[in-house]
Amino acid sequence: MENRVALEFFIKSAIASNSNILSVHKIYNTARSQQIRVSKNSLYDFQKFLEDVNMVLFLKKYSASMRKTELSLPKSYVVDNALYTFTTYRDDVGVLMESFVFQELLKQGYEPNKSLFYFSNNYEIDFVIKDGFRIKQLLQVTYASGRDEIERRELKALLKAGKELRCKNLLCITWDYEDEEVLEGRKIRFVPLWKWLL
């Protein structure tokens, strides 16, 4: 590889961005500040390389406009959470949970950027699941063992996206909290991760 240092820097950056937005532009600026010489085109090539070898996958933002989806900044997901904990020395359970749910959705047959997306519009929804042209489900992942631990913004995001994307199937995957709640006329189901996996 012509620029091994730049490739290693990009791989570490992509893994560190697990379950978060990945910006090639920001990585480029950070690389330059550390005197790592690399072009943006090379960084985009590295991104494609990581996808091709199934090391890190990139999930785009859902939009009714294909062009907007293609131009959106992707979220980065490692295919094995051990890569994240080994590379970053972090064990952020919320990040690991979201990444694990992504991996399980792939096993269920959902395809990134075809039937599986994320969504944001001044708020964020972790996963948008499509069935053909229809939005089948909106899914939020939160590390919570009780209702009081679920941040209000998570639920507000589900409600707003439900209205905006015309989807009534709203699911919040928790660590160990189960319930159903009607908020603003819409039902949100709370399911523990272990039970969702059954």
N, C-alpha and C. Protein backbone atom coordinates (compact mmCIF):
# COMPACT_ATOMS: atom_id res chain seq x y z
N MET A 1 0.87 -1.20 0.00
CA MET A 1 0.00 0.00 0.00
C MET A 1 0.90 1.23 0.00
N GLU A 2 0.58 2.16 -0.91
CA GLU A 2 1.43 3.33 -1.11
C GLU A 2 1.49 4.21 0.13
N ASN A 3 0.35 4.40 0.79
CA ASN A 3 0.32 5.29 1.95
C ASN A 3 -0.22 4.53 3.15
N ARG A 4 0.63 3.68 3.71
CA ARG A 4 0.21 2.82 4.81
C ARG A 4 -0.18 3.62 6.05
N VAL A 5 0.57 4.66 6.35
CA VAL A 5 0.28 5.48 7.53
C VAL A 5 -1.11 6.09 7.42
N ALA A 6 -1.43 6.61 6.25
CA ALA A 6 -2.75 7.23 6.03
C ALA A 6 -3.85 6.18 6.13
N LEU A 7 -3.61 4.99 5.57
CA LEU A 7 -4.60 3.92 5.63
C LEU A 7 -4.85 3.51 7.08
N GLU A 8 -3.79 3.33 7.85
CA GLU A 8 -3.95 2.95 9.25
C GLU A 8 -4.70 4.03 10.03
N PHE A 9 -4.39 5.29 9.72
CA PHE A 9 -5.07 6.40 10.38
C PHE A 9 -6.56 6.38 10.05
N PHE A 10 -6.89 6.12 8.78
CA PHE A 10 -8.29 6.08 8.38
C PHE A 10 -9.03 4.91 9.03
N ILE A 11 -8.40 3.75 9.06
CA ILE A 11 -9.03 2.58 9.68
C ILE A 11 -9.35 2.85 11.15
N LYS A 12 -8.37 3.41 11.88
CA LYS A 12 -8.59 3.72 13.29
C LYS A 12 -9.71 4.75 13.46
N SER A 13 -9.75 5.73 12.58
CA SER A 13 -10.79 6.77 12.65
C SER A 13 -12.17 6.18 12.38
N ALA A 14 -12.27 5.30 11.39
CA ALA A 14 -13.55 4.68 11.05
C ALA A 14 -14.04 3.78 12.18
N ILE A 15 -13.13 3.04 12.79
CA ILE A 15 -13.51 2.17 13.90
C ILE A 15 -13.91 3.00 15.12
N ALA A 16 -13.18 4.08 15.39
CA ALA A 16 -13.50 4.95 16.53
C ALA A 16 -14.85 5.64 16.34
N SER A 17 -15.30 5.77 15.09
CA SER A 17 -16.59 6.40 14.80
C SER A 17 -17.75 5.42 14.88
N ASN A 18 -17.50 4.21 15.36
CA ASN A 18 -18.53 3.18 15.45
C ASN A 18 -19.85 3.73 15.99
N SER A 19 -20.93 3.53 15.25
CA SER A 19 -22.28 3.98 15.62
C SER A 19 -22.44 5.50 15.53
N ASN A 20 -21.50 6.17 14.89
CA ASN A 20 -21.57 7.62 14.76
C ASN A 20 -21.29 8.05 13.32
N ILE A 21 -21.58 9.32 13.04
CA ILE A 21 -21.35 9.88 11.72
C ILE A 21 -19.85 9.89 11.42
N LEU A 22 -19.52 9.50 10.19
CA LEU A 22 -18.13 9.54 9.75
C LEU A 22 -18.00 10.60 8.65
N SER A 23 -17.11 11.56 8.88
CA SER A 23 -16.89 12.62 7.91
C SER A 23 -15.47 12.52 7.34
N VAL A 24 -15.37 12.18 6.07
CA VAL A 24 -14.07 12.10 5.41
C VAL A 24 -13.37 13.46 5.45
N HIS A 25 -14.14 14.53 5.32
CA HIS A 25 -13.58 15.88 5.36
C HIS A 25 -12.88 16.15 6.71
N LYS A 26 -13.52 15.75 7.81
CA LYS A 26 -12.91 15.95 9.13
C LYS A 26 -11.67 15.07 9.30
N ILE A 27 -11.75 13.85 8.81
CA ILE A 27 -10.58 12.95 8.89
C ILE A 27 -9.42 13.54 8.09
N TYR A 28 -9.74 14.09 6.93
CA TYR A 28 -8.73 14.72 6.08
C TYR A 28 -8.05 15.88 6.82
N ASN A 29 -8.85 16.74 7.44
CA ASN A 29 -8.29 17.89 8.17
C ASN A 29 -7.45 17.43 9.36
N THR A 30 -7.92 16.40 10.07
CA THR A 30 -7.16 15.88 11.22
C THR A 30 -5.85 15.27 10.75
N ALA A 31 -5.89 14.53 9.64
CA ALA A 31 -4.67 13.93 9.08
C ALA A 31 -3.65 15.02 8.72
N ARG A 32 -4.13 16.07 8.08
CA ARG A 32 -3.23 17.18 7.71
C ARG A 32 -2.61 17.83 8.93
N SER A 33 -3.41 17.99 9.99
CA SER A 33 -2.89 18.62 11.22
C SER A 33 -1.82 17.74 11.88
N GLN A 34 -1.83 16.44 11.55
CA GLN A 34 -0.82 15.53 12.10
C GLN A 34 0.28 15.20 11.07
N GLN A 35 0.34 16.05 10.03
CA GLN A 35 1.36 15.90 8.98
C GLN A 35 1.28 14.55 8.24
N ILE A 36 0.06 14.01 8.15
CA ILE A 36 -0.15 12.80 7.36
C ILE A 36 -0.62 13.25 5.98
N ARG A 37 0.19 12.96 4.97
CA ARG A 37 -0.12 13.42 3.62
C ARG A 37 -1.01 12.40 2.92
N VAL A 38 -2.21 12.85 2.58
CA VAL A 38 -3.16 11.98 1.89
C VAL A 38 -4.21 12.86 1.21
N SER A 39 -4.70 12.42 0.08
CA SER A 39 -5.74 13.18 -0.62
C SER A 39 -7.12 12.71 -0.16
N LYS A 40 -8.11 13.54 -0.35
CA LYS A 40 -9.48 13.15 -0.02
C LYS A 40 -9.91 11.95 -0.87
N ASN A 41 -9.50 11.94 -2.13
CA ASN A 41 -9.86 10.81 -3.00
C ASN A 41 -9.32 9.50 -2.44
N SER A 42 -8.11 9.53 -1.90
CA SER A 42 -7.54 8.32 -1.30
C SER A 42 -8.35 7.88 -0.08
N LEU A 43 -8.80 8.86 0.71
CA LEU A 43 -9.61 8.53 1.89
C LEU A 43 -10.93 7.88 1.47
N TYR A 44 -11.55 8.40 0.41
CA TYR A 44 -12.78 7.77 -0.09
C TYR A 44 -12.49 6.37 -0.62
N ASP A 45 -11.31 6.18 -1.22
CA ASP A 45 -10.91 4.84 -1.66
C ASP A 45 -10.75 3.90 -0.47
N PHE A 46 -10.17 4.41 0.62
CA PHE A 46 -10.00 3.61 1.83
C PHE A 46 -11.37 3.20 2.39
N GLN A 47 -12.33 4.14 2.36
CA GLN A 47 -13.68 3.86 2.85
C GLN A 47 -14.30 2.71 2.07
N LYS A 48 -14.15 2.77 0.74
CA LYS A 48 -14.69 1.71 -0.12
C LYS A 48 -13.97 0.39 0.16
N PHE A 49 -12.68 0.45 0.40
CA PHE A 49 -11.88 -0.73 0.70
C PHE A 49 -12.39 -1.41 1.97
N LEU A 50 -12.66 -0.63 3.03
CA LEU A 50 -13.14 -1.20 4.28
C LEU A 50 -14.49 -1.88 4.10
N GLU A 51 -15.34 -1.29 3.25
CA GLU A 51 -16.63 -1.91 2.95
C GLU A 51 -16.45 -3.19 2.15
N ASP A 52 -15.57 -3.15 1.17
CA ASP A 52 -15.36 -4.31 0.30
C ASP A 52 -14.85 -5.53 1.07
N VAL A 53 -14.05 -5.30 2.11
CA VAL A 53 -13.52 -6.42 2.88
C VAL A 53 -14.40 -6.72 4.11
N ASN A 54 -15.56 -6.05 4.19
CA ASN A 54 -16.52 -6.27 5.29
C ASN A 54 -15.91 -6.06 6.67
N MET A 55 -15.16 -4.98 6.80
CA MET A 55 -14.57 -4.65 8.10
C MET A 55 -15.40 -3.57 8.79
N VAL A 56 -15.74 -2.54 8.04
CA VAL A 56 -16.60 -1.46 8.52
C VAL A 56 -17.62 -1.19 7.43
N LEU A 57 -18.88 -1.08 7.83
CA LEU A 57 -19.95 -0.77 6.87
C LEU A 57 -20.47 0.64 7.15
N PHE A 58 -20.97 1.28 6.11
CA PHE A 58 -21.39 2.67 6.23
C PHE A 58 -22.86 2.81 5.86
N LEU A 59 -23.62 3.34 6.80
CA LEU A 59 -25.07 3.46 6.65
C LEU A 59 -25.44 4.89 6.32
N LYS A 60 -26.19 5.07 5.23
CA LYS A 60 -26.56 6.41 4.80
C LYS A 60 -27.89 6.86 5.39
N LYS A 61 -28.10 8.16 5.32
CA LYS A 61 -29.31 8.77 5.85
C LYS A 61 -30.48 8.55 4.88
N TYR A 62 -31.62 8.17 5.44
CA TYR A 62 -32.80 7.97 4.60
C TYR A 62 -33.34 9.30 4.11
N SER A 63 -33.70 9.32 2.85
CA SER A 63 -34.41 10.46 2.26
C SER A 63 -35.24 9.92 1.11
N ALA A 64 -36.38 10.57 0.86
CA ALA A 64 -37.20 10.18 -0.29
C ALA A 64 -36.44 10.46 -1.59
N SER A 65 -35.45 11.36 -1.51
CA SER A 65 -34.62 11.70 -2.65
C SER A 65 -33.36 10.83 -2.65
N MET A 66 -33.19 10.03 -3.69
CA MET A 66 -32.01 9.16 -3.78
C MET A 66 -30.73 9.99 -3.79
N ARG A 67 -30.78 11.15 -4.45
CA ARG A 67 -29.60 12.01 -4.52
C ARG A 67 -29.18 12.47 -3.13
N LYS A 68 -30.16 12.88 -2.30
CA LYS A 68 -29.84 13.33 -0.95
C LYS A 68 -29.29 12.19 -0.10
N THR A 69 -29.83 11.00 -0.31
CA THR A 69 -29.30 9.83 0.41
C THR A 69 -27.85 9.59 0.03
N GLU A 70 -27.55 9.62 -1.25
CA GLU A 70 -26.19 9.36 -1.72
C GLU A 70 -25.20 10.41 -1.24
N LEU A 71 -25.66 11.65 -1.08
CA LEU A 71 -24.78 12.74 -0.66
C LEU A 71 -24.65 12.86 0.86
N SER A 72 -25.44 12.08 1.59
CA SER A 72 -25.45 12.20 3.05
C SER A 72 -24.17 11.64 3.67
N LEU A 73 -23.82 12.18 4.84
CA LEU A 73 -22.69 11.64 5.60
C LEU A 73 -23.13 10.31 6.21
N PRO A 74 -22.32 9.27 6.08
CA PRO A 74 -22.73 7.96 6.60
C PRO A 74 -22.40 7.79 8.08
N LYS A 75 -23.10 6.83 8.69
CA LYS A 75 -22.72 6.36 10.02
C LYS A 75 -21.84 5.13 9.82
N SER A 76 -20.86 5.00 10.68
CA SER A 76 -19.88 3.93 10.57
C SER A 76 -20.25 2.81 11.55
N TYR A 77 -20.21 1.56 11.08
CA TYR A 77 -20.47 0.40 11.95
C TYR A 77 -19.42 -0.68 11.72
N VAL A 78 -18.73 -1.07 12.77
CA VAL A 78 -17.79 -2.19 12.65
C VAL A 78 -18.58 -3.49 12.59
N VAL A 79 -18.04 -4.50 11.92
CA VAL A 79 -18.76 -5.76 11.81
C VAL A 79 -18.52 -6.66 13.02
N ASP A 80 -17.61 -6.25 13.88
CA ASP A 80 -17.33 -7.00 15.11
C ASP A 80 -16.97 -5.99 16.19
N ASN A 81 -17.75 -5.98 17.27
CA ASN A 81 -17.52 -5.00 18.33
C ASN A 81 -16.16 -5.14 19.00
N ALA A 82 -15.54 -6.31 18.88
CA ALA A 82 -14.20 -6.49 19.46
C ALA A 82 -13.20 -5.56 18.80
N LEU A 83 -13.40 -5.27 17.51
CA LEU A 83 -12.52 -4.32 16.81
C LEU A 83 -12.57 -2.95 17.48
N TYR A 84 -13.78 -2.54 17.88
CA TYR A 84 -13.96 -1.23 18.51
C TYR A 84 -13.30 -1.20 19.88
N THR A 85 -13.57 -2.20 20.73
CA THR A 85 -13.01 -2.17 22.08
C THR A 85 -11.49 -2.35 22.05
N PHE A 86 -10.98 -3.18 21.13
CA PHE A 86 -9.54 -3.41 21.05
C PHE A 86 -8.80 -2.17 20.53
N THR A 87 -9.38 -1.49 19.54
CA THR A 87 -8.71 -0.35 18.90
C THR A 87 -8.81 0.92 19.74
N THR A 88 -9.96 1.13 20.39
CA THR A 88 -10.18 2.40 21.10
C THR A 88 -9.98 2.29 22.61
N TYR A 89 -9.89 1.06 23.12
CA TYR A 89 -9.80 0.82 24.57
C TYR A 89 -11.00 1.38 25.31
N ARG A 90 -12.15 1.41 24.61
CA ARG A 90 -13.38 1.90 25.25
C ARG A 90 -14.41 0.78 25.23
N ASP A 91 -15.31 0.82 26.21
CA ASP A 91 -16.39 -0.15 26.21
C ASP A 91 -17.72 0.57 26.47
N ASP A 92 -17.98 1.60 25.68
CA ASP A 92 -19.21 2.37 25.77
C ASP A 92 -20.38 1.46 25.40
N VAL A 93 -21.17 1.08 26.41
CA VAL A 93 -22.22 0.08 26.20
C VAL A 93 -23.26 0.57 25.20
N GLY A 94 -23.59 1.86 25.23
CA GLY A 94 -24.57 2.40 24.27
C GLY A 94 -24.10 2.25 22.84
N VAL A 95 -22.83 2.56 22.59
CA VAL A 95 -22.24 2.41 21.25
C VAL A 95 -22.23 0.95 20.84
N LEU A 96 -21.80 0.08 21.76
CA LEU A 96 -21.73 -1.35 21.46
C LEU A 96 -23.12 -1.94 21.20
N MET A 97 -24.12 -1.48 21.97
CA MET A 97 -25.49 -1.96 21.76
C MET A 97 -25.99 -1.61 20.37
N GLU A 98 -25.82 -0.35 19.99
CA GLU A 98 -26.31 0.10 18.68
C GLU A 98 -25.61 -0.65 17.55
N SER A 99 -24.30 -0.83 17.70
CA SER A 99 -23.54 -1.55 16.69
C SER A 99 -23.99 -3.01 16.61
N PHE A 100 -24.26 -3.61 17.76
CA PHE A 100 -24.72 -5.00 17.81
C PHE A 100 -26.08 -5.14 17.14
N VAL A 101 -26.98 -4.20 17.40
CA VAL A 101 -28.30 -4.23 16.76
C VAL A 101 -28.14 -4.12 15.24
N PHE A 102 -27.23 -3.27 14.79
CA PHE A 102 -26.96 -3.15 13.35
C PHE A 102 -26.53 -4.50 12.78
N GLN A 103 -25.60 -5.17 13.47
CA GLN A 103 -25.12 -6.48 13.02
C GLN A 103 -26.26 -7.49 12.95
N GLU A 104 -27.16 -7.46 13.93
CA GLU A 104 -28.29 -8.39 13.96
C GLU A 104 -29.28 -8.09 12.84
N LEU A 105 -29.48 -6.81 12.53
CA LEU A 105 -30.37 -6.44 11.43
C LEU A 105 -29.83 -6.97 10.11
N LEU A 106 -28.51 -6.95 9.95
CA LEU A 106 -27.90 -7.53 8.75
C LEU A 106 -28.20 -9.03 8.67
N LYS A 107 -28.09 -9.71 9.82
CA LYS A 107 -28.36 -11.15 9.86
C LYS A 107 -29.82 -11.44 9.52
N GLN A 108 -30.71 -10.49 9.83
CA GLN A 108 -32.13 -10.66 9.53
C GLN A 108 -32.43 -10.40 8.05
N GLY A 109 -31.41 -10.00 7.31
CA GLY A 109 -31.58 -9.84 5.86
C GLY A 109 -31.73 -8.42 5.37
N TYR A 110 -31.65 -7.44 6.26
CA TYR A 110 -31.76 -6.04 5.82
C TYR A 110 -30.44 -5.59 5.21
N GLU A 111 -30.53 -4.85 4.13
CA GLU A 111 -29.34 -4.41 3.40
C GLU A 111 -29.08 -2.93 3.63
N PRO A 112 -27.85 -2.59 4.06
CA PRO A 112 -27.52 -1.17 4.25
C PRO A 112 -27.76 -0.37 2.97
N ASN A 113 -28.43 0.76 3.14
CA ASN A 113 -28.68 1.73 2.07
C ASN A 113 -29.64 1.21 0.99
N LYS A 114 -30.31 0.10 1.30
CA LYS A 114 -31.38 -0.40 0.43
C LYS A 114 -32.66 -0.58 1.25
N SER A 115 -32.56 -1.37 2.32
CA SER A 115 -33.71 -1.54 3.20
C SER A 115 -33.40 -1.07 4.63
N LEU A 116 -32.20 -0.58 4.85
CA LEU A 116 -31.78 -0.13 6.18
C LEU A 116 -31.02 1.18 6.08
N PHE A 117 -31.46 2.16 6.88
CA PHE A 117 -30.88 3.50 6.87
C PHE A 117 -30.88 4.05 8.30
N TYR A 118 -30.30 5.24 8.47
CA TYR A 118 -30.56 6.02 9.68
C TYR A 118 -31.33 7.26 9.21
N PHE A 119 -31.79 8.07 10.14
CA PHE A 119 -32.51 9.29 9.76
C PHE A 119 -32.16 10.41 10.72
N SER A 120 -32.02 11.60 10.19
CA SER A 120 -31.81 12.77 11.05
C SER A 120 -32.42 14.01 10.41
N ASN A 121 -32.93 14.85 11.29
CA ASN A 121 -33.51 16.13 10.88
C ASN A 121 -33.59 17.00 12.13
N ASN A 122 -32.45 17.45 12.60
CA ASN A 122 -32.31 18.12 13.89
C ASN A 122 -32.55 17.16 15.05
N TYR A 123 -32.69 15.91 14.76
CA TYR A 123 -32.78 14.83 15.74
C TYR A 123 -32.34 13.58 14.98
N GLU A 124 -32.12 12.48 15.70
CA GLU A 124 -31.63 11.29 15.00
C GLU A 124 -32.41 10.04 15.39
N ILE A 125 -32.67 9.22 14.38
CA ILE A 125 -33.25 7.89 14.56
C ILE A 125 -32.17 6.90 14.16
N ASP A 126 -31.90 5.95 15.03
CA ASP A 126 -30.80 5.02 14.79
C ASP A 126 -31.02 4.20 13.52
N PHE A 127 -32.23 3.65 13.35
CA PHE A 127 -32.47 2.80 12.19
C PHE A 127 -33.86 3.01 11.59
N VAL A 128 -33.87 3.14 10.28
CA VAL A 128 -35.11 3.18 9.49
C VAL A 128 -35.12 1.89 8.67
N ILE A 129 -36.16 1.09 8.85
CA ILE A 129 -36.26 -0.18 8.14
C ILE A 129 -37.34 -0.05 7.08
N LYS A 130 -36.95 -0.36 5.84
CA LYS A 130 -37.89 -0.24 4.71
C LYS A 130 -38.31 -1.61 4.20
N ASP A 131 -39.52 -1.66 3.70
CA ASP A 131 -40.03 -2.86 3.03
C ASP A 131 -40.57 -2.38 1.69
N GLY A 132 -39.75 -2.50 0.65
CA GLY A 132 -40.13 -1.94 -0.64
C GLY A 132 -40.11 -0.42 -0.56
N PHE A 133 -41.26 0.20 -0.91
CA PHE A 133 -41.35 1.66 -0.83
C PHE A 133 -41.88 2.14 0.51
N ARG A 134 -42.27 1.20 1.36
CA ARG A 134 -42.91 1.54 2.63
C ARG A 134 -41.90 1.52 3.77
N ILE A 135 -42.03 2.48 4.69
CA ILE A 135 -41.21 2.46 5.91
C ILE A 135 -41.88 1.50 6.87
N LYS A 136 -41.18 0.43 7.19
CA LYS A 136 -41.76 -0.65 8.00
C LYS A 136 -41.64 -0.37 9.49
N GLN A 137 -40.50 0.20 9.91
CA GLN A 137 -40.26 0.41 11.34
C GLN A 137 -39.20 1.47 11.58
N LEU A 138 -39.37 2.21 12.67
CA LEU A 138 -38.36 3.15 13.16
C LEU A 138 -37.85 2.58 14.48
N LEU A 139 -36.54 2.55 14.61
CA LEU A 139 -35.94 1.84 15.73
C LEU A 139 -34.89 2.71 16.42
N GLN A 140 -35.04 2.84 17.72
CA GLN A 140 -34.09 3.60 18.53
C GLN A 140 -33.43 2.63 19.51
N VAL A 141 -32.14 2.78 19.76
CA VAL A 141 -31.42 1.91 20.69
C VAL A 141 -30.90 2.76 21.84
N THR A 142 -31.20 2.33 23.08
CA THR A 142 -30.75 3.11 24.22
C THR A 142 -30.35 2.20 25.37
N TYR A 143 -29.24 2.53 26.00
CA TYR A 143 -28.77 1.73 27.15
C TYR A 143 -29.52 2.19 28.39
N ALA A 144 -30.67 1.56 28.64
CA ALA A 144 -31.52 1.95 29.77
C ALA A 144 -32.13 0.72 30.40
N SER A 145 -32.17 0.71 31.72
CA SER A 145 -32.79 -0.40 32.45
C SER A 145 -34.10 0.01 33.10
N GLY A 146 -34.44 1.29 32.99
CA GLY A 146 -35.70 1.78 33.56
C GLY A 146 -36.21 2.95 32.75
N ARG A 147 -37.50 3.23 32.88
CA ARG A 147 -38.12 4.31 32.10
C ARG A 147 -37.45 5.65 32.38
N ASP A 148 -37.04 5.86 33.63
CA ASP A 148 -36.42 7.14 34.00
C ASP A 148 -35.05 7.33 33.36
N GLU A 149 -34.45 6.25 32.84
CA GLU A 149 -33.13 6.35 32.22
C GLU A 149 -33.20 6.66 30.73
N ILE A 150 -34.40 6.61 30.18
CA ILE A 150 -34.55 6.87 28.74
C ILE A 150 -34.65 8.38 28.52
N GLU A 151 -33.72 8.90 27.76
CA GLU A 151 -33.69 10.35 27.55
C GLU A 151 -34.90 10.81 26.74
N ARG A 152 -35.42 11.96 27.13
CA ARG A 152 -36.62 12.48 26.48
C ARG A 152 -36.39 12.71 24.98
N ARG A 153 -35.18 13.12 24.61
CA ARG A 153 -34.90 13.40 23.20
C ARG A 153 -35.03 12.15 22.34
N GLU A 154 -34.74 10.96 22.92
CA GLU A 154 -34.87 9.71 22.17
C GLU A 154 -36.32 9.49 21.75
N LEU A 155 -37.24 9.74 22.70
CA LEU A 155 -38.66 9.51 22.43
C LEU A 155 -39.23 10.60 21.53
N LYS A 156 -38.79 11.83 21.75
CA LYS A 156 -39.23 12.94 20.89
C LYS A 156 -38.83 12.67 19.45
N ALA A 157 -37.62 12.16 19.28
CA ALA A 157 -37.12 11.85 17.93
C ALA A 157 -38.00 10.79 17.27
N LEU A 158 -38.36 9.74 18.01
CA LEU A 158 -39.23 8.70 17.47
C LEU A 158 -40.59 9.26 17.05
N LEU A 159 -41.14 10.11 17.91
CA LEU A 159 -42.46 10.69 17.62
C LEU A 159 -42.40 11.60 16.40
N LYS A 160 -41.40 12.45 16.34
CA LYS A 160 -41.26 13.37 15.19
C LYS A 160 -41.05 12.60 13.90
N ALA A 161 -40.15 11.61 13.93
CA ALA A 161 -39.87 10.83 12.73
C ALA A 161 -41.09 10.01 12.32
N GLY A 162 -41.83 9.51 13.30
CA GLY A 162 -43.05 8.75 13.00
C GLY A 162 -44.03 9.57 12.20
N LYS A 163 -44.17 10.84 12.59
CA LYS A 163 -45.08 11.74 11.85
C LYS A 163 -44.50 12.10 10.49
N GLU A 164 -43.22 12.46 10.49
CA GLU A 164 -42.58 12.93 9.26
C GLU A 164 -42.50 11.83 8.20
N LEU A 165 -42.20 10.61 8.63
CA LEU A 165 -42.03 9.50 7.69
C LEU A 165 -43.27 8.61 7.58
N ARG A 166 -44.33 9.01 8.27
CA ARG A 166 -45.62 8.29 8.23
C ARG A 166 -45.47 6.82 8.60
N CYS A 167 -44.87 6.62 9.76
CA CYS A 167 -44.66 5.25 10.25
C CYS A 167 -45.21 5.16 11.68
N LYS A 168 -46.04 4.15 11.92
CA LYS A 168 -46.63 3.97 13.25
C LYS A 168 -45.91 2.92 14.08
N ASN A 169 -45.02 2.16 13.45
CA ASN A 169 -44.31 1.09 14.15
C ASN A 169 -43.03 1.66 14.77
N LEU A 170 -43.14 2.09 16.03
CA LEU A 170 -42.04 2.75 16.73
C LEU A 170 -41.51 1.83 17.83
N LEU A 171 -40.23 1.50 17.73
CA LEU A 171 -39.63 0.56 18.68
C LEU A 171 -38.40 1.17 19.32
N CYS A 172 -38.31 0.99 20.63
CA CYS A 172 -37.13 1.43 21.38
C CYS A 172 -36.52 0.20 22.04
N ILE A 173 -35.31 -0.18 21.60
CA ILE A 173 -34.62 -1.32 22.19
C ILE A 173 -33.81 -0.82 23.38
N THR A 174 -34.08 -1.42 24.54
CA THR A 174 -33.44 -1.01 25.78
C THR A 174 -32.51 -2.11 26.28
N TRP A 175 -31.82 -1.83 27.38
CA TRP A 175 -30.98 -2.86 27.98
C TRP A 175 -31.85 -3.87 28.74
N ASP A 176 -32.79 -3.35 29.54
CA ASP A 176 -33.59 -4.27 30.34
C ASP A 176 -34.91 -3.63 30.79
N TYR A 177 -35.56 -2.92 29.89
CA TYR A 177 -36.84 -2.27 30.23
C TYR A 177 -37.86 -2.66 29.18
N GLU A 178 -39.04 -3.07 29.64
CA GLU A 178 -40.09 -3.49 28.72
C GLU A 178 -41.41 -2.82 29.09
N ASP A 179 -42.08 -2.28 28.08
CA ASP A 179 -43.37 -1.63 28.32
C ASP A 179 -43.93 -1.15 26.98
N GLU A 180 -45.11 -0.59 27.03
CA GLU A 180 -45.70 0.11 25.89
C GLU A 180 -46.23 1.43 26.43
N GLU A 181 -46.12 2.46 25.62
CA GLU A 181 -46.56 3.78 26.08
C GLU A 181 -47.15 4.54 24.90
N VAL A 182 -48.23 5.24 25.16
CA VAL A 182 -48.83 6.07 24.13
C VAL A 182 -48.47 7.52 24.43
N LEU A 183 -47.76 8.14 23.50
CA LEU A 183 -47.35 9.53 23.64
C LEU A 183 -47.82 10.29 22.39
N GLU A 184 -48.49 11.39 22.60
CA GLU A 184 -48.98 12.22 21.49
C GLU A 184 -49.76 11.38 20.47
N GLY A 185 -50.52 10.43 21.01
CA GLY A 185 -51.38 9.61 20.16
C GLY A 185 -50.67 8.50 19.41
N ARG A 186 -49.38 8.28 19.70
CA ARG A 186 -48.64 7.22 19.03
C ARG A 186 -48.05 6.25 20.05
N LYS A 187 -48.11 4.96 19.71
CA LYS A 187 -47.62 3.93 20.62
C LYS A 187 -46.14 3.67 20.38
N ILE A 188 -45.38 3.64 21.47
CA ILE A 188 -43.97 3.27 21.41
C ILE A 188 -43.80 2.00 22.24
N ARG A 189 -43.20 0.98 21.63
CA ARG A 189 -42.90 -0.26 22.34
C ARG A 189 -41.46 -0.22 22.84
N PHE A 190 -41.26 -0.64 24.09
CA PHE A 190 -39.94 -0.74 24.68
C PHE A 190 -39.65 -2.23 24.87
N VAL A 191 -38.58 -2.70 24.25
CA VAL A 191 -38.24 -4.13 24.30
C VAL A 191 -36.78 -4.28 24.71
N PRO A 192 -36.52 -5.14 25.72
CA PRO A 192 -35.12 -5.38 26.10
C PRO A 192 -34.36 -6.05 24.96
N LEU A 193 -33.08 -5.75 24.88
CA LEU A 193 -32.25 -6.30 23.81
C LEU A 193 -32.33 -7.83 23.76
N TRP A 194 -32.25 -8.48 24.92
CA TRP A 194 -32.26 -9.94 24.95
C TRP A 194 -33.54 -10.50 24.36
N LYS A 195 -34.66 -9.82 24.63
CA LYS A 195 -35.96 -10.30 24.15
C LYS A 195 -36.10 -10.04 22.66
N TRP A 196 -35.59 -8.90 22.19
CA TRP A 196 -35.63 -8.58 20.75
C TRP A 196 -34.87 -9.62 19.94
N LEU A 197 -33.83 -10.19 20.54
CA LEU A 197 -32.99 -11.16 19.85
C LEU A 197 -33.65 -12.53 19.71
N LEU A 198 -34.68 -12.79 20.51
CA LEU A 198 -35.34 -14.12 20.49
C LEU A 198 -36.12 -14.33 19.20
